């Protein structure tokens, strides 16, 4: 079984297209116009074992806000579509991700009920050209569009690059685990997610 979804999102601020395949090998090309975000999404696909093609043309002459938010919405929507009715998925996952001096915890539920909790702080205004204030917003938008409950916590760390990288890698590993097909039915006493 291969679970995959193509996505296109066009607004007055961004044009985004791509394909997400859950049963992949970490392959694909990412071109967001923001080098640090390209790096984070490359890590997301590699550590999740996803194939991801993603291209974004955004109004970066203003700043990265619209591109970052819309990429998260497009990618989260693709994950939601690829999961389909979510029959047989493990559903829950928690992953601790060490990154040098940093440690984060990611817990998620592929519940169909979007919610995001973020605990932690970042101290630099930018990592590369990526505004660190958009870190939380990216994950909140992703959780909303993918219809998952997502809890993330930066337990400790000093370097903002490491903190953000740990969050992206932790999300990838948790999604990979929660999306794994381990049964045949919908993993809910309600019979639907």
Protein backbone atom coordinates (compact mmCIF):
# COMPACT_ATOMS: atom_id res chain seq x y z
CA UNK A 1 0.00 0.00 0.00
CA UNK A 2 1.31 3.42 -0.93
CA UNK A 3 -0.35 6.44 0.67
CA UNK A 4 0.29 9.59 -1.31
CA UNK A 5 -1.22 13.01 -2.03
CA UNK A 6 -0.47 15.80 -4.48
CA UNK A 7 -1.04 19.38 -3.42
CA UNK A 8 -1.45 22.78 -5.01
CA UNK A 9 -2.08 25.99 -3.11
CA UNK A 10 -2.29 29.33 -4.90
CA UNK A 11 -2.98 32.63 -3.19
CA UNK A 12 -2.09 36.25 -3.96
CA UNK A 13 1.00 35.67 -1.81
CA UNK A 14 2.25 32.17 -2.70
CA UNK A 15 2.16 29.40 -5.29
CA UNK A 16 2.90 25.97 -3.84
CA UNK A 17 2.86 22.54 -5.44
CA UNK A 18 4.18 19.11 -4.66
CA UNK A 19 3.61 15.50 -3.71
CA UNK A 20 3.91 13.66 -0.39
CA UNK A 21 4.29 9.87 -0.22
CA UNK A 22 4.28 8.29 3.21
CA UNK A 23 5.85 4.99 2.17
CA UNK A 24 8.95 6.51 0.64
CA UNK A 25 12.71 6.49 1.04
CA UNK A 26 13.36 10.10 2.05
CA UNK A 27 13.75 11.30 -1.54
CA UNK A 28 12.59 14.50 -3.23
CA UNK A 29 13.47 18.09 -3.98
CA UNK A 30 12.52 21.02 -1.74
CA UNK A 31 12.60 24.60 -3.05
CA UNK A 32 10.90 27.07 -0.73
CA UNK A 33 13.07 30.13 -1.35
CA UNK A 34 14.19 29.96 2.29
CA UNK A 35 17.38 27.93 2.72
CA UNK A 36 16.83 27.05 6.36
CA UNK A 37 13.26 25.86 5.69
CA UNK A 38 14.54 23.77 2.77
CA UNK A 39 16.99 22.19 5.21
CA UNK A 40 14.27 21.49 7.81
CA UNK A 41 11.92 19.93 5.25
CA UNK A 42 14.77 17.84 3.82
CA UNK A 43 15.33 16.53 7.35
CA UNK A 44 11.58 15.98 7.82
CA UNK A 45 11.33 13.78 4.71
CA UNK A 46 14.59 11.93 5.41
CA UNK A 47 13.88 11.10 9.06
CA UNK A 48 10.22 10.29 8.37
CA UNK A 49 11.04 8.07 5.41
CA UNK A 50 8.71 10.16 3.25
CA UNK A 51 9.14 11.15 -0.38
CA UNK A 52 8.46 14.85 -0.74
CA UNK A 53 8.51 17.13 -3.74
CA UNK A 54 7.74 20.74 -2.82
CA UNK A 55 8.13 24.00 -4.71
CA UNK A 56 7.05 27.42 -3.45
CA UNK A 57 7.16 30.84 -5.05
CA UNK A 58 6.26 33.38 -2.41
CA UNK A 59 6.44 37.09 -1.67
CA UNK A 60 9.81 36.85 0.06
CA UNK A 61 10.50 40.50 -0.71
CA UNK A 62 8.03 41.19 2.13
CA UNK A 63 9.27 38.45 4.47
CA UNK A 64 8.97 34.71 4.91
CA UNK A 65 5.68 34.67 6.83
CA UNK A 66 3.28 33.87 3.98
CA UNK A 67 5.51 31.21 2.43
CA UNK A 68 6.16 29.45 5.74
CA UNK A 69 2.50 29.45 6.78
CA UNK A 70 1.19 28.35 3.38
CA UNK A 71 3.79 25.58 3.05
CA UNK A 72 2.71 24.24 6.45
CA UNK A 73 -0.96 24.35 5.41
CA UNK A 74 -0.28 22.64 2.06
CA UNK A 75 1.96 19.96 3.59
CA UNK A 76 -0.41 19.32 6.49
CA UNK A 77 -3.34 19.04 4.08
CA UNK A 78 -1.37 16.55 1.99
CA UNK A 79 -0.66 14.45 5.09
CA UNK A 80 -4.34 14.47 5.99
CA UNK A 81 -5.28 13.35 2.46
CA UNK A 82 -2.58 10.66 2.33
CA UNK A 83 -3.80 9.21 5.65
CA UNK A 84 -7.30 8.82 4.19
CA UNK A 85 -9.75 7.26 6.67
CA UNK A 86 -6.78 6.34 8.90
CA UNK A 87 -7.84 2.70 9.15
CA UNK A 88 -5.23 0.55 10.82
CA UNK A 89 -2.83 3.34 11.80
CA UNK A 90 -1.05 3.21 15.13
CA UNK A 91 -2.55 6.68 15.75
CA UNK A 92 -0.41 7.82 18.73
CA UNK A 93 3.32 8.47 19.01
CA UNK A 94 5.79 10.21 21.28
CA UNK A 95 9.37 10.84 20.28
CA UNK A 96 12.28 12.40 22.16
CA UNK A 97 14.87 13.85 19.80
CA UNK A 98 18.37 14.77 21.03
CA UNK A 99 20.30 17.27 18.92
CA UNK A 100 23.68 17.91 20.50
CA UNK A 101 22.95 19.98 23.64
CA UNK A 102 19.22 20.12 22.90
CA UNK A 103 16.35 17.74 23.67
CA UNK A 104 12.76 18.01 22.47
CA UNK A 105 9.65 15.91 23.00
CA UNK A 106 6.95 15.51 20.35
CA UNK A 107 3.68 13.73 21.11
CA UNK A 108 0.88 13.43 18.60
CA UNK A 109 -2.47 11.86 17.96
CA UNK A 110 -3.79 11.40 14.41
CA UNK A 111 -7.21 12.03 15.91
CA UNK A 112 -8.86 14.12 13.22
CA UNK A 113 -9.12 16.86 15.86
CA UNK A 114 -6.57 19.63 15.27
CA UNK A 115 -4.87 21.09 18.32
CA UNK A 116 -1.36 22.36 18.98
CA UNK A 117 0.51 22.94 22.22
CA UNK A 118 4.01 24.41 22.10
CA UNK A 119 6.27 24.81 25.13
CA UNK A 120 9.70 26.31 24.71
CA UNK A 121 11.52 29.39 23.66
CA UNK A 122 13.86 30.61 20.95
CA UNK A 123 16.25 33.50 21.56
CA UNK A 124 17.52 34.58 18.11
CA UNK A 125 15.25 36.57 15.79
CA UNK A 126 16.54 34.68 12.73
CA UNK A 127 18.21 31.42 11.81
CA UNK A 128 19.57 32.16 8.36
CA UNK A 129 16.70 34.04 6.77
CA UNK A 130 14.08 32.06 8.73
CA UNK A 131 12.25 34.14 11.38
CA UNK A 132 12.26 32.00 14.52
CA UNK A 133 8.88 33.42 15.59
CA UNK A 134 7.44 31.41 12.66
CA UNK A 135 8.55 28.09 14.17
CA UNK A 136 5.50 27.76 16.39
CA UNK A 137 3.23 29.11 13.65
CA UNK A 138 4.52 26.54 11.13
CA UNK A 139 3.72 23.64 13.45
CA UNK A 140 0.34 25.08 14.47
CA UNK A 141 -0.65 25.47 10.80
CA UNK A 142 0.63 21.97 10.00
CA UNK A 143 -1.33 20.44 12.90
CA UNK A 144 -4.48 22.28 11.89
CA UNK A 145 -4.34 21.24 8.22
CA UNK A 146 -3.36 17.63 8.99
CA UNK A 147 -6.09 17.34 11.64
CA UNK A 148 -3.74 16.06 14.31
CA UNK A 149 -3.30 16.87 17.96
CA UNK A 150 0.35 17.91 18.32
CA UNK A 151 2.24 18.65 21.53
CA UNK A 152 5.83 19.87 21.27
CA UNK A 153 8.23 20.83 23.99
CA UNK A 154 11.80 22.09 23.96
CA UNK A 155 13.05 20.48 27.16
CA UNK A 156 16.42 22.21 27.04
CA UNK A 157 19.03 23.51 24.64
CA UNK A 158 21.05 26.61 23.81
CA UNK A 159 21.34 26.81 20.02
CA UNK A 160 18.21 27.86 18.10
CA UNK A 161 19.27 25.97 14.96
CA UNK A 162 19.48 22.81 17.06
CA UNK A 163 16.19 23.49 18.85
CA UNK A 164 14.25 23.97 15.60
CA UNK A 165 15.99 21.06 13.89
CA UNK A 166 15.14 18.79 16.81
CA UNK A 167 11.47 19.79 16.52
CA UNK A 168 11.32 19.00 12.78
CA UNK A 169 13.12 15.67 13.17
CA UNK A 170 10.98 14.74 16.18
CA UNK A 171 7.82 15.51 14.23
CA UNK A 172 9.01 13.36 11.33
CA UNK A 173 9.73 10.36 13.54
CA UNK A 174 6.47 10.72 15.46
CA UNK A 175 4.40 11.02 12.26
CA UNK A 176 6.19 7.99 10.81
CA UNK A 177 5.38 5.93 13.91
CA UNK A 178 1.77 7.11 14.33
CA UNK A 179 0.97 6.66 10.62
CA UNK A 180 2.29 3.10 10.51
CA UNK A 181 -0.42 0.63 9.56
CA UNK A 182 -0.60 -1.99 12.32
CA UNK A 183 -4.19 -3.23 12.08
CA UNK A 184 -7.30 -3.21 9.96
CA UNK A 185 -9.83 -1.12 11.82
CA UNK A 186 -10.16 2.51 12.75
CA UNK A 187 -8.21 3.01 16.01
CA UNK A 188 -11.09 4.63 17.90
CA UNK A 189 -13.90 3.35 20.10
CA UNK A 190 -16.14 5.72 18.12
CA UNK A 191 -15.40 3.80 14.92
CA UNK A 192 -14.25 6.92 13.09
CA UNK A 193 -11.42 9.45 13.30
